[in-house]
Amino acid sequence: QVQLVESGGGLVQPGGSLRLSCAASGIIFSIRNMGWYRQAPGKQRELVARLTSNGSTNYADSVKGRFTISRDNAKNTVYLQMNSLKPEDTAVYYCNAPKIFGRDPSDYWGQGTQVTVSS
């Protein structure tokens, strides 16, 4: 059974930082591309950052230079370091493991963790 469990969300003031974690189980983590998405109220879910199994990254334009995605294969965990947070970063953040064609029926998602940026 595949599980992605996020943690690290919370309330932070503008300009502050948070680090999200996503612990994976039931998958061979080291071969997986991993990603973080977010969904704000009334908006569609959007990609925040993606990290491939070989270390390549890409980021949404809105978070470039502020957010950093990383992974620890020994801990089966992917992280999202968020600095210089803005109120518009407020959303539920989801961990994602894209499906491997021929192996998985669909993408895997965590349950989400709330990030609120407010003074």
PDB file of N, CA and C in Angstrom:
ATOM      1  N   GLN A   1       0.848  -1.194   0.000  1.00  0.00           N
ATOM      2  CA  GLN A   1       0.000   0.000   0.000  1.00  0.00           C
ATOM      3  C   GLN A   1       0.886   1.246   0.000  1.00  0.00           C
ATOM      4  N   VAL A   2       0.616   2.127  -0.951  1.00  0.00           N
ATOM      5  CA  VAL A   2       1.417   3.333  -1.071  1.00  0.00           C
ATOM      6  C   VAL A   2       0.836   4.419  -0.167  1.00  0.00           C
ATOM      7  N   GLN A   3       1.728   5.056   0.582  1.00  0.00           N
ATOM      8  CA  GLN A   3       1.312   6.181   1.413  1.00  0.00           C
ATOM      9  C   GLN A   3       2.299   7.325   1.264  1.00  0.00           C
ATOM     10  N   LEU A   4       1.745   8.526   1.146  1.00  0.00           N
ATOM     11  CA  LEU A   4       2.527   9.754   1.184  1.00  0.00           C
ATOM     12  C   LEU A   4       1.966  10.587   2.322  1.00  0.00           C
ATOM     13  N   VAL A   5       2.800  10.908   3.292  1.00  0.00           N
ATOM     14  CA  VAL A   5       2.327  11.612   4.485  1.00  0.00           C
ATOM     15  C   VAL A   5       3.088  12.922   4.627  1.00  0.00           C
ATOM     16  N   GLU A   6       2.346  14.023   4.461  1.00  0.00           N
ATOM     17  CA  GLU A   6       2.952  15.345   4.580  1.00  0.00           C
ATOM     18  C   GLU A   6       2.934  15.828   6.023  1.00  0.00           C
ATOM     19  N   SER A   7       3.879  16.690   6.331  1.00  0.00           N
ATOM     20  CA  SER A   7       3.915  17.358   7.633  1.00  0.00           C
ATOM     21  C   SER A   7       4.663  18.674   7.480  1.00  0.00           C
ATOM     22  N   GLY A   8       4.531  19.530   8.488  1.00  0.00           N
ATOM     23  CA  GLY A   8       5.298  20.770   8.502  1.00  0.00           C
ATOM     24  C   GLY A   8       4.517  22.020   8.185  1.00  0.00           C
ATOM     25  N   GLY A   9       3.249  21.889   7.828  1.00  0.00           N
ATOM     26  CA  GLY A   9       2.452  23.073   7.555  1.00  0.00           C
ATOM     27  C   GLY A   9       2.137  23.841   8.824  1.00  0.00           C
ATOM     28  N   GLY A  10       1.529  25.011   8.635  1.00  0.00           N
ATOM     29  CA  GLY A  10       1.158  25.811   9.792  1.00  0.00           C
ATOM     30  C   GLY A  10       0.921  27.251   9.413  1.00  0.00           C
ATOM     31  N   LEU A  11       0.848  28.078  10.440  1.00  0.00           N
ATOM     32  CA  LEU A  11       0.639  29.509  10.278  1.00  0.00           C
ATOM     33  C   LEU A  11       1.981  30.228  10.419  1.00  0.00           C
ATOM     34  N   VAL A  12       2.280  31.101   9.469  1.00  0.00           N
ATOM     35  CA  VAL A  12       3.543  31.829   9.493  1.00  0.00           C
ATOM     36  C   VAL A  12       3.280  33.257   9.016  1.00  0.00           C
ATOM     37  N   GLN A  13       4.072  34.181   9.506  1.00  0.00           N
ATOM     38  CA  GLN A  13       3.932  35.571   9.086  1.00  0.00           C
ATOM     39  C   GLN A  13       4.584  35.792   7.732  1.00  0.00           C
ATOM     40  N   PRO A  14       4.130  36.783   6.996  1.00  0.00           N
ATOM     41  CA  PRO A  14       4.787  37.112   5.728  1.00  0.00           C
ATOM     42  C   PRO A  14       6.277  37.343   5.937  1.00  0.00           C
ATOM     43  N   GLY A  15       7.060  36.790   5.009  1.00  0.00           N
ATOM     44  CA  GLY A  15       8.509  36.855   5.117  1.00  0.00           C
ATOM     45  C   GLY A  15       9.120  35.698   5.867  1.00  0.00           C
ATOM     46  N   GLY A  16       8.297  34.894   6.496  1.00  0.00           N
ATOM     47  CA  GLY A  16       8.785  33.756   7.267  1.00  0.00           C
ATOM     48  C   GLY A  16       9.088  32.543   6.417  1.00  0.00           C
ATOM     49  N   SER A  17       9.449  31.464   7.097  1.00  0.00           N
ATOM     50  CA  SER A  17       9.841  30.225   6.421  1.00  0.00           C
ATOM     51  C   SER A  17       9.129  29.030   7.033  1.00  0.00           C
ATOM     52  N   LEU A  18       8.959  28.020   6.216  1.00  0.00           N
ATOM     53  CA  LEU A  18       8.462  26.716   6.652  1.00  0.00           C
ATOM     54  C   LEU A  18       9.166  25.653   5.832  1.00  0.00           C
ATOM     55  N   ARG A  19       9.302  24.470   6.416  1.00  0.00           N
ATOM     56  CA  ARG A  19       9.782  23.329   5.654  1.00  0.00           C
ATOM     57  C   ARG A  19       8.752  22.215   5.725  1.00  0.00           C
ATOM     58  N   LEU A  20       8.273  21.832   4.558  1.00  0.00           N
ATOM     59  CA  LEU A  20       7.342  20.711   4.469  1.00  0.00           C
ATOM     60  C   LEU A  20       8.115  19.429   4.219  1.00  0.00           C
ATOM     61  N   SER A  21       7.590  18.351   4.774  1.00  0.00           N
ATOM     62  CA  SER A  21       8.165  17.026   4.557  1.00  0.00           C
ATOM     63  C   SER A  21       7.085  16.098   4.036  1.00  0.00           C
ATOM     64  N   CYS A  22       7.508  15.143   3.234  1.00  0.00           N
ATOM     65  CA  CYS A  22       6.605  14.109   2.736  1.00  0.00           C
ATOM     66  C   CYS A  22       7.325  12.777   2.840  1.00  0.00           C
ATOM     67  N   ALA A  23       6.825  11.936   3.736  1.00  0.00           N
ATOM     68  CA  ALA A  23       7.402  10.608   3.935  1.00  0.00           C
ATOM     69  C   ALA A  23       6.636   9.602   3.094  1.00  0.00           C
ATOM     70  N   ALA A  24       7.357   8.856   2.282  1.00  0.00           N
ATOM     71  CA  ALA A  24       6.745   7.893   1.371  1.00  0.00           C
ATOM     72  C   ALA A  24       6.977   6.464   1.856  1.00  0.00           C
ATOM     73  N   SER A  25       5.988   5.621   1.630  1.00  0.00           N
ATOM     74  CA  SER A  25       6.125   4.197   1.910  1.00  0.00           C
ATOM     75  C   SER A  25       5.367   3.416   0.846  1.00  0.00           C
ATOM     76  N   GLY A  26       5.790   2.177   0.646  1.00  0.00           N
ATOM     77  CA  GLY A  26       5.115   1.329  -0.330  1.00  0.00           C
ATOM     78  C   GLY A  26       5.574   1.530  -1.764  1.00  0.00           C
ATOM     79  N   ILE A  27       6.584   2.380  -1.969  1.00  0.00           N
ATOM     80  CA  ILE A  27       7.140   2.588  -3.307  1.00  0.00           C
ATOM     81  C   ILE A  27       8.662   2.518  -3.210  1.00  0.00           C
ATOM     82  N   ILE A  28       9.286   2.267  -4.357  1.00  0.00           N
ATOM     83  CA  ILE A  28      10.743   2.330  -4.413  1.00  0.00           C
ATOM     84  C   ILE A  28      11.092   3.795  -4.626  1.00  0.00           C
ATOM     85  N   PHE A  29      11.323   4.491  -3.529  1.00  0.00           N
ATOM     86  CA  PHE A  29      11.383   5.950  -3.549  1.00  0.00           C
ATOM     87  C   PHE A  29      12.492   6.469  -4.466  1.00  0.00           C
ATOM     88  N   SER A  30      13.631   5.818  -4.469  1.00  0.00           N
ATOM     89  CA  SER A  30      14.802   6.364  -5.156  1.00  0.00           C
ATOM     90  C   SER A  30      14.619   6.461  -6.661  1.00  0.00           C
ATOM     91  N   ILE A  31      13.696   5.699  -7.234  1.00  0.00           N
ATOM     92  CA  ILE A  31      13.513   5.743  -8.693  1.00  0.00           C
ATOM     93  C   ILE A  31      12.382   6.674  -9.096  1.00  0.00           C
ATOM     94  N   ARG A  32      11.757   7.274  -8.104  1.00  0.00           N
ATOM     95  CA  ARG A  32      10.562   8.068  -8.358  1.00  0.00           C
ATOM     96  C   ARG A  32      10.878   9.542  -8.572  1.00  0.00           C
ATOM     97  N   ASN A  33      10.209  10.121  -9.553  1.00  0.00           N
ATOM     98  CA  ASN A  33      10.097  11.575  -9.573  1.00  0.00           C
ATOM     99  C   ASN A  33       9.086  11.968  -8.502  1.00  0.00           C
ATOM    100  N   MET A  34       9.321  13.103  -7.859  1.00  0.00           N
ATOM    101  CA  MET A  34       8.425  13.558  -6.799  1.00  0.00           C
ATOM    102  C   MET A  34       8.061  15.027  -7.018  1.00  0.00           C
ATOM    103  N   GLY A  35       6.928  15.430  -6.483  1.00  0.00           N
ATOM    104  CA  GLY A  35       6.518  16.813  -6.665  1.00  0.00           C
ATOM    105  C   GLY A  35       5.692  17.342  -5.509  1.00  0.00           C
ATOM    106  N   TRP A  36       5.599  18.642  -5.468  1.00  0.00           N
ATOM    107  CA  TRP A  36       4.717  19.353  -4.548  1.00  0.00           C
ATOM    108  C   TRP A  36       3.742  20.189  -5.370  1.00  0.00           C
ATOM    109  N   TYR A  37       2.473  20.093  -5.010  1.00  0.00           N
ATOM    110  CA  TYR A  37       1.420  20.898  -5.609  1.00  0.00           C
ATOM    111  C   TYR A  37       0.743  21.681  -4.489  1.00  0.00           C
ATOM    112  N   ARG A  38      -0.031  22.669  -4.888  1.00  0.00           N
ATOM    113  CA  ARG A  38      -0.823  23.401  -3.892  1.00  0.00           C
ATOM    114  C   ARG A  38      -2.164  23.793  -4.499  1.00  0.00           C
ATOM    115  N   GLN A  39      -3.112  23.974  -3.592  1.00  0.00           N
ATOM    116  CA  GLN A  39      -4.445  24.390  -4.012  1.00  0.00           C
ATOM    117  C   GLN A  39      -4.976  25.405  -3.022  1.00  0.00           C
ATOM    118  N   ALA A  40      -5.211  26.601  -3.528  1.00  0.00           N
ATOM    119  CA  ALA A  40      -5.792  27.664  -2.716  1.00  0.00           C
ATOM    120  C   ALA A  40      -7.309  27.625  -2.866  1.00  0.00           C
ATOM    121  N   PRO A  41      -8.038  28.177  -1.905  1.00  0.00           N
ATOM    122  CA  PRO A  41      -9.506  28.163  -1.987  1.00  0.00           C
ATOM    123  C   PRO A  41     -10.005  28.786  -3.290  1.00  0.00           C
ATOM    124  N   GLY A  42     -10.879  28.060  -3.972  1.00  0.00           N
ATOM    125  CA  GLY A  42     -11.462  28.565  -5.205  1.00  0.00           C
ATOM    126  C   GLY A  42     -10.568  28.497  -6.420  1.00  0.00           C
ATOM    127  N   LYS A  43      -9.402  27.883  -6.264  1.00  0.00           N
ATOM    128  CA  LYS A  43      -8.466  27.800  -7.382  1.00  0.00           C
ATOM    129  C   LYS A  43      -8.135  26.341  -7.690  1.00  0.00           C
ATOM    130  N   GLN A  44      -7.603  26.136  -8.891  1.00  0.00           N
ATOM    131  CA  GLN A  44      -7.188  24.792  -9.285  1.00  0.00           C
ATOM    132  C   GLN A  44      -5.865  24.426  -8.623  1.00  0.00           C
ATOM    133  N   ARG A  45      -5.669  23.137  -8.473  1.00  0.00           N
ATOM    134  CA  ARG A  45      -4.390  22.654  -7.953  1.00  0.00           C
ATOM    135  C   ARG A  45      -3.304  22.975  -8.970  1.00  0.00           C
ATOM    136  N   GLU A  46      -2.157  23.444  -8.472  1.00  0.00           N
ATOM    137  CA  GLU A  46      -1.079  23.840  -9.367  1.00  0.00           C
ATOM    138  C   GLU A  46       0.242  23.238  -8.906  1.00  0.00           C
ATOM    139  N   LEU A  47       1.107  23.003  -9.875  1.00  0.00           N
ATOM    140  CA  LEU A  47       2.438  22.502  -9.563  1.00  0.00           C
ATOM    141  C   LEU A  47       3.265  23.595  -8.898  1.00  0.00           C
ATOM    142  N   VAL A  48       3.936  23.234  -7.819  1.00  0.00           N
ATOM    143  CA  VAL A  48       4.844  24.149  -7.147  1.00  0.00           C
ATOM    144  C   VAL A  48       6.290  23.828  -7.516  1.00  0.00           C
ATOM    145  N   ALA A  49       6.648  22.559  -7.382  1.00  0.00           N
ATOM    146  CA  ALA A  49       8.027  22.155  -7.645  1.00  0.00           C
ATOM    147  C   ALA A  49       8.057  20.668  -7.957  1.00  0.00           C
ATOM    148  N   ARG A  50       9.038  20.296  -8.773  1.00  0.00           N
ATOM    149  CA  ARG A  50       9.199  18.904  -9.166  1.00  0.00           C
ATOM    150  C   ARG A  50      10.670  18.541  -9.073  1.00  0.00           C
ATOM    151  N   LEU A  51      10.919  17.318  -8.634  1.00  0.00           N
ATOM    152  CA  LEU A  51      12.294  16.824  -8.498  1.00  0.00           C
ATOM    153  C   LEU A  51      12.353  15.416  -9.067  1.00  0.00           C
ATOM    154  N   THR A  52      13.201  15.236 -10.088  1.00  0.00           N
ATOM    155  CA  THR A  52      13.294  13.916 -10.696  1.00  0.00           C
ATOM    156  C   THR A  52      14.200  13.006  -9.871  1.00  0.00           C
ATOM    157  N   SER A  53      14.192  11.733 -10.241  1.00  0.00           N
ATOM    158  CA  SER A  53      15.019  10.761  -9.537  1.00  0.00           C
ATOM    159  C   SER A  53      16.506  11.041  -9.714  1.00  0.00           C
ATOM    160  N   ASN A  54      16.867  11.728 -10.805  1.00  0.00           N
ATOM    161  CA  ASN A  54      18.287  12.029 -11.028  1.00  0.00           C
ATOM    162  C   ASN A  54      18.671  13.426 -10.568  1.00  0.00           C
ATOM    163  N   GLY A  55      17.731  14.127  -9.886  1.00  0.00           N
ATOM    164  CA  GLY A  55      18.078  15.392  -9.260  1.00  0.00           C
ATOM    165  C   GLY A  55      17.703  16.648 -10.017  1.00  0.00           C
ATOM    166  N   SER A  56      17.072  16.521 -11.165  1.00  0.00           N
ATOM    167  CA  SER A  56      16.641  17.712 -11.901  1.00  0.00           C
ATOM    168  C   SER A  56      15.413  18.317 -11.233  1.00  0.00           C
ATOM    169  N   THR A  57      15.370  19.638 -11.251  1.00  0.00           N
ATOM    170  CA  THR A  57      14.251  20.327 -10.604  1.00  0.00           C
ATOM    171  C   THR A  57      13.601  21.305 -11.576  1.00  0.00           C
ATOM    172  N   ASN A  58      12.333  21.580 -11.323  1.00  0.00           N
ATOM    173  CA  ASN A  58      11.694  22.732 -11.930  1.00  0.00           C
ATOM    174  C   ASN A  58      10.669  23.293 -10.970  1.00  0.00           C
ATOM    175  N   TYR A  59      10.452  24.587 -11.101  1.00  0.00           N
ATOM    176  CA  TYR A  59       9.624  25.327 -10.152  1.00  0.00           C
ATOM    177  C   TYR A  59       8.601  26.193 -10.891  1.00  0.00           C
ATOM    178  N   ALA A  60       7.490  26.434 -10.236  1.00  0.00           N
ATOM    179  CA  ALA A  60       6.557  27.435 -10.723  1.00  0.00           C
ATOM    180  C   ALA A  60       7.246  28.797 -10.669  1.00  0.00           C
ATOM    181  N   ASP A  61       6.935  29.636 -11.639  1.00  0.00           N
ATOM    182  CA  ASP A  61       7.564  30.967 -11.681  1.00  0.00           C
ATOM    183  C   ASP A  61       7.323  31.739 -10.385  1.00  0.00           C
ATOM    184  N   SER A  62       6.169  31.533  -9.786  1.00  0.00           N
ATOM    185  CA  SER A  62       5.797  32.299  -8.599  1.00  0.00           C
ATOM    186  C   SER A  62       6.627  31.954  -7.371  1.00  0.00           C
ATOM    187  N   VAL A  63       7.345  30.835  -7.395  1.00  0.00           N
ATOM    188  CA  VAL A  63       8.120  30.434  -6.216  1.00  0.00           C
ATOM    189  C   VAL A  63       9.620  30.361  -6.483  1.00  0.00           C
ATOM    190  N   LYS A  64      10.022  30.582  -7.717  1.00  0.00           N
ATOM    191  CA  LYS A  64      11.446  30.514  -8.049  1.00  0.00           C
ATOM    192  C   LYS A  64      12.248  31.480  -7.191  1.00  0.00           C
ATOM    193  N   GLY A  65      13.356  30.972  -6.665  1.00  0.00           N
ATOM    194  CA  GLY A  65      14.214  31.792  -5.829  1.00  0.00           C
ATOM    195  C   GLY A  65      13.791  31.839  -4.371  1.00  0.00           C
ATOM    196  N   ARG A  66      12.617  31.322  -4.058  1.00  0.00           N
ATOM    197  CA  ARG A  66      12.115  31.324  -2.677  1.00  0.00           C
ATOM    198  C   ARG A  66      11.948  29.910  -2.122  1.00  0.00           C
ATOM    199  N   PHE A  67      11.553  28.976  -2.973  1.00  0.00           N
ATOM    200  CA  PHE A  67      11.299  27.604  -2.546  1.00  0.00           C
ATOM    201  C   PHE A  67      12.383  26.687  -3.092  1.00  0.00           C
ATOM    202  N   THR A  68      12.686  25.645  -2.332  1.00  0.00           N
ATOM    203  CA  THR A  68      13.654  24.641  -2.751  1.00  0.00           C
ATOM    204  C   THR A  68      13.119  23.255  -2.449  1.00  0.00           C
ATOM    205  N   ILE A  69      13.088  22.420  -3.474  1.00  0.00           N
ATOM    206  CA  ILE A  69      12.681  21.030  -3.288  1.00  0.00           C
ATOM    207  C   ILE A  69      13.937  20.167  -3.169  1.00  0.00           C
ATOM    208  N   SER A  70      13.890  19.190  -2.280  1.00  0.00           N
ATOM    209  CA  SER A  70      15.032  18.298  -2.099  1.00  0.00           C
ATOM    210  C   SER A  70      14.513  16.936  -1.651  1.00  0.00           C
ATOM    211  N   ARG A  71      15.416  15.961  -1.615  1.00  0.00           N
ATOM    212  CA  ARG A  71      15.006  14.621  -1.220  1.00  0.00           C
ATOM    213  C   ARG A  71      16.120  13.952  -0.451  1.00  0.00           C
ATOM    214  N   ASP A  72      15.716  13.011   0.396  1.00  0.00           N
ATOM    215  CA  ASP A  72      16.643  12.147   1.116  1.00  0.00           C
ATOM    216  C   ASP A  72      16.194  10.724   0.840  1.00  0.00           C
ATOM    217  N   ASN A  73      16.881  10.062  -0.069  1.00  0.00           N
ATOM    218  CA  ASN A  73      16.459   8.715  -0.454  1.00  0.00           C
ATOM    219  C   ASN A  73      16.618   7.715   0.693  1.00  0.00           C
ATOM    220  N   ALA A  74      17.546   7.972   1.588  1.00  0.00           N
ATOM    221  CA  ALA A  74      17.731   7.066   2.718  1.00  0.00           C
ATOM    222  C   ALA A  74      16.534   7.114   3.669  1.00  0.00           C
ATOM    223  N   LYS A  75      15.838   8.254   3.668  1.00  0.00           N
ATOM    224  CA  LYS A  75      14.675   8.420   4.538  1.00  0.00           C
ATOM    225  C   LYS A  75      13.354   8.345   3.781  1.00  0.00           C
ATOM    226  N   ASN A  76      13.423   8.096   2.475  1.00  0.00           N
ATOM    227  CA  ASN A  76      12.210   8.058   1.652  1.00  0.00           C
ATOM    228  C   ASN A  76      11.367   9.319   1.831  1.00  0.00           C
ATOM    229  N   THR A  77      12.047  10.448   1.845  1.00  0.00           N
ATOM    230  CA  THR A  77      11.371  11.702   2.148  1.00  0.00           C
ATOM    231  C   THR A  77      11.752  12.782   1.142  1.00  0.00           C
ATOM    232  N   VAL A  78      10.749  13.563   0.758  1.00  0.00           N
ATOM    233  CA  VAL A  78      10.968  14.737  -0.073  1.00  0.00           C
ATOM    234  C   VAL A  78      10.568  15.963   0.743  1.00  0.00           C
ATOM    235  N   TYR A  79      11.313  17.034   0.557  1.00  0.00           N
ATOM    236  CA  TYR A  79      11.122  18.247   1.329  1.00  0.00           C
ATOM    237  C   TYR A  79      10.788  19.433   0.422  1.00  0.00           C
ATOM    238  N   LEU A  80      10.142  20.413   1.006  1.00  0.00           N
ATOM    239  CA  LEU A  80       9.942  21.687   0.333  1.00  0.00           C
ATOM    240  C   LEU A  80      10.286  22.791   1.335  1.00  0.00           C
ATOM    241  N   GLN A  81      11.434  23.413   1.118  1.00  0.00           N
ATOM    242  CA  GLN A  81      11.835  24.541   1.941  1.00  0.00           C
ATOM    243  C   GLN A  81      11.239  25.801   1.342  1.00  0.00           C
ATOM    244  N   MET A  82      10.462  26.507   2.148  1.00  0.00           N
ATOM    245  CA  MET A  82       9.756  27.700   1.664  1.00  0.00           C
ATOM    246  C   MET A  82      10.236  28.905   2.457  1.00  0.00           C
ATOM    247  N   ASN A  83      10.869  29.830   1.758  1.00  0.00           N
ATOM    248  CA  ASN A  83      11.370  31.055   2.380  1.00  0.00           C
ATOM    249  C   ASN A  83      10.640  32.273   1.813  1.00  0.00           C
ATOM    250  N   SER A  84      10.766  33.378   2.505  1.00  0.00           N
ATOM    251  CA  SER A  84      10.154  34.644   2.049  1.00  0.00           C
ATOM    252  C   SER A  84       8.690  34.438   1.676  1.00  0.00           C
ATOM    253  N   LEU A  85       7.980  33.783   2.556  1.00  0.00           N
ATOM    254  CA  LEU A  85       6.584  33.440   2.270  1.00  0.00           C
ATOM    255  C   LEU A  85       5.713  34.673   2.132  1.00  0.00           C
ATOM    256  N   LYS A  86       4.743  34.573   1.248  1.00  0.00           N
ATOM    257  CA  LYS A  86       3.817  35.655   0.950  1.00  0.00           C
ATOM    258  C   LYS A  86       2.392  35.185   1.238  1.00  0.00           C
ATOM    259  N   PRO A  87       1.485  36.104   1.490  1.00  0.00           N
ATOM    260  CA  PRO A  87       0.089  35.692   1.709  1.00  0.00           C
ATOM    261  C   PRO A  87      -0.475  34.856   0.558  1.00  0.00           C
ATOM    262  N   GLU A  88      -0.026  35.130  -0.652  1.00  0.00           N
ATOM    263  CA  GLU A  88      -0.526  34.370  -1.804  1.00  0.00           C
ATOM    264  C   GLU A  88       0.009  32.940  -1.855  1.00  0.00           C
ATOM    265  N   ASP A  89       0.921  32.587  -0.968  1.00  0.00           N
ATOM    266  CA  ASP A  89       1.375  31.204  -0.853  1.00  0.00           C
ATOM    267  C   ASP A  89       0.418  30.365   0.005  1.00  0.00           C
ATOM    268  N   THR A  90      -0.555  31.005   0.603  1.00  0.00           N
ATOM    269  CA  THR A  90      -1.529  30.292   1.432  1.00  0.00           C
ATOM    270  C   THR A  90      -2.299  29.279   0.592  1.00  0.00           C
ATOM    271  N   ALA A  91      -2.255  28.035   1.019  1.00  0.00           N
ATOM    272  CA  ALA A  91      -2.897  26.949   0.269  1.00  0.00           C
ATOM    273  C   ALA A  91      -2.729  25.648   1.049  1.00  0.00           C
ATOM    274  N   VAL A  92      -3.414  24.627   0.581  1.00  0.00           N
ATOM    275  CA  VAL A  92      -3.117  23.266   1.016  1.00  0.00           C
ATOM    276  C   VAL A  92      -2.050  22.716   0.075  1.00  0.00           C
ATOM    277  N   TYR A  93      -0.985  22.205   0.653  1.00  0.00           N
ATOM    278  CA  TYR A  93       0.147  21.688  -0.121  1.00  0.00           C
ATOM    279  C   TYR A  93       0.086  20.163  -0.133  1.00  0.00           C
ATOM    280  N   TYR A  94       0.233  19.615  -1.334  1.00  0.00           N
ATOM    281  CA  TYR A  94       0.125  18.173  -1.526  1.00  0.00           C
ATOM    282  C   TYR A  94       1.417  17.599  -2.088  1.00  0.00           C
ATOM    283  N   CYS A  95       1.804  16.475  -1.552  1.00  0.00           N
ATOM    284  CA  CYS A  95       2.922  15.711  -2.090  1.00  0.00           C
ATOM    285  C   CYS A  95       2.401  14.799  -3.198  1.00  0.00           C
ATOM    286  N   ASN A  96       3.198  14.645  -4.233  1.00  0.00           N
ATOM    287  CA  ASN A  96       2.779  13.844  -5.395  1.00  0.00           C
ATOM    288  C   ASN A  96       3.896  12.935  -5.864  1.00  0.00           C
ATOM    289  N   ALA A  97       3.532  11.710  -6.174  1.00  0.00           N
ATOM    290  CA  ALA A  97       4.434  10.777  -6.849  1.00  0.00           C
ATOM    291  C   ALA A  97       3.762  10.401  -8.163  1.00  0.00           C
ATOM    292  N   PRO A  98       4.238  10.933  -9.274  1.00  0.00           N
ATOM    293  CA  PRO A  98       3.600  10.624 -10.559  1.00  0.00           C
ATOM    294  C   PRO A  98       3.641   9.121 -10.850  1.00  0.00           C
ATOM    295  N   LYS A  99       2.633   8.651 -11.546  1.00  0.00           N
ATOM    296  CA  LYS A  99       2.591   7.221 -11.834  1.00  0.00           C
ATOM    297  C   LYS A  99       3.692   6.833 -12.803  1.00  0.00           C
ATOM    298  N   ILE A 100       4.139   5.612 -12.664  1.00  0.00           N
ATOM    299  CA  ILE A 100       5.060   5.022 -13.620  1.00  0.00           C
ATOM    300  C   ILE A 100       4.211   4.186 -14.557  1.00  0.00           C
ATOM    301  N   PHE A 101       4.244   4.535 -15.841  1.00  0.00           N
ATOM    302  CA  PHE A 101       3.399   3.840 -16.823  1.00  0.00           C
ATOM    303  C   PHE A 101       3.740   2.356 -16.861  1.00  0.00           C
ATOM    304  N   GLY A 102       2.688   1.577 -16.816  1.00  0.00           N
ATOM    305  CA  GLY A 102       2.850   0.131 -16.827  1.00  0.00           C
ATOM    306  C   GLY A 102       3.027  -0.469 -15.453  1.00  0.00           C
ATOM    307  N   ARG A 103       3.145   0.403 -14.445  1.00  0.00           N
ATOM    308  CA  ARG A 103       3.341  -0.084 -13.085  1.00  0.00           C
ATOM    309  C   ARG A 103       2.244   0.377 -12.144  1.00  0.00           C
ATOM    310  N   ASP A 104       1.859   1.644 -12.271  1.00  0.00           N
ATOM    311  CA  ASP A 104       0.900   2.237 -11.330  1.00  0.00           C
ATOM    312  C   ASP A 104      -0.412   2.559 -12.050  1.00  0.00           C
ATOM    313  N   PRO A 105      -1.542   2.418 -11.353  1.00  0.00           N
ATOM    314  CA  PRO A 105      -2.828   2.768 -11.972  1.00  0.00           C
ATOM    315  C   PRO A 105      -3.047   4.273 -12.083  1.00  0.00           C
ATOM    316  N   SER A 106      -2.407   5.027 -11.213  1.00  0.00           N
ATOM    317  CA  SER A 106      -2.603   6.467 -11.211  1.00  0.00           C
ATOM    318  C   SER A 106      -1.488   7.115 -10.395  1.00  0.00           C
ATOM    319  N   ASP A 107      -1.478   8.455 -10.397  1.00  0.00           N
ATOM    320  CA  ASP A 107      -0.559   9.177  -9.515  1.00  0.00           C
ATOM    321  C   ASP A 107      -0.898   8.873  -8.060  1.00  0.00           C
ATOM    322  N   TYR A 108       0.089   9.071  -7.199  1.00  0.00           N
ATOM    323  CA  TYR A 108      -0.139   8.968  -5.768  1.00  0.00           C
ATOM    324  C   TYR A 108      -0.088  10.364  -5.149  1.00  0.00           C
ATOM    325  N   TRP A 109      -0.990  10.576  -4.187  1.00  0.00           N
ATOM    326  CA  TRP A 109      -1.101  11.876  -3.525  1.00  0.00           C
ATOM    327  C   TRP A 109      -1.133  11.701  -2.011  1.00  0.00           C
ATOM    328  N   GLY A 110      -0.575  12.694  -1.319  1.00  0.00           N
ATOM    329  CA  GLY A 110      -0.748  12.752   0.115  1.00  0.00           C
ATOM    330  C   GLY A 110      -2.066  13.414   0.464  1.00  0.00           C
ATOM    331  N   GLN A 111      -2.308  13.517   1.769  1.00  0.00           N
ATOM    332  CA  GLN A 111      -3.583  14.062   2.230  1.00  0.00           C
ATOM    333  C   GLN A 111      -3.580  15.584   2.274  1.00  0.00           C
ATOM    334  N   GLY A 112      -2.410  16.178   2.179  1.00  0.00           N
ATOM    335  CA  GLY A 112      -2.300  17.627   2.170  1.00  0.00           C
ATOM    336  C   GLY A 112      -1.971  18.199   3.531  1.00  0.00           C
ATOM    337  N   THR A 113      -1.282  19.321   3.516  1.00  0.00           N
ATOM    338  CA  THR A 113      -0.981  20.045   4.744  1.00  0.00           C
ATOM    339  C   THR A 113      -1.225  21.538   4.503  1.00  0.00           C
ATOM    340  N   GLN A 114      -1.903  22.162   5.445  1.00  0.00           N
ATOM    341  CA  GLN A 114      -2.298  23.558   5.278  1.00  0.00           C
ATOM    342  C   GLN A 114      -1.132  24.489   5.597  1.00  0.00           C
ATOM    343  N   VAL A 115      -0.909  25.434   4.695  1.00  0.00           N
ATOM    344  CA  VAL A 115       0.046  26.518   4.932  1.00  0.00           C
ATOM    345  C   VAL A 115      -0.725  27.829   4.868  1.00  0.00           C
ATOM    346  N   THR A 116      -0.640  28.595   5.927  1.00  0.00           N
ATOM    347  CA  THR A 116      -1.310  29.887   5.984  1.00  0.00           C
ATOM    348  C   THR A 116      -0.284  30.968   6.270  1.00  0.00           C
ATOM    349  N   VAL A 117      -0.223  31.951   5.386  1.00  0.00           N
ATOM    350  CA  VAL A 117       0.715  33.061   5.542  1.00  0.00           C
ATOM    351  C   VAL A 117      -0.098  34.315   5.836  1.00  0.00           C
ATOM    352  N   SER A 118       0.023  34.787   7.055  1.00  0.00           N
ATOM    353  CA  SER A 118      -0.811  35.907   7.489  1.00  0.00           C
ATOM    354  C   SER A 118      -0.176  36.593   8.685  1.00  0.00           C
ATOM    355  N   SER A 119      -0.376  37.887   8.768  1.00  0.00           N
ATOM    356  CA  SER A 119       0.086  38.634   9.937  1.00  0.00           C
ATOM    357  C   SER A 119      -1.036  38.739  10.974  1.00  0.00           C
TER     358      SER A 119
END
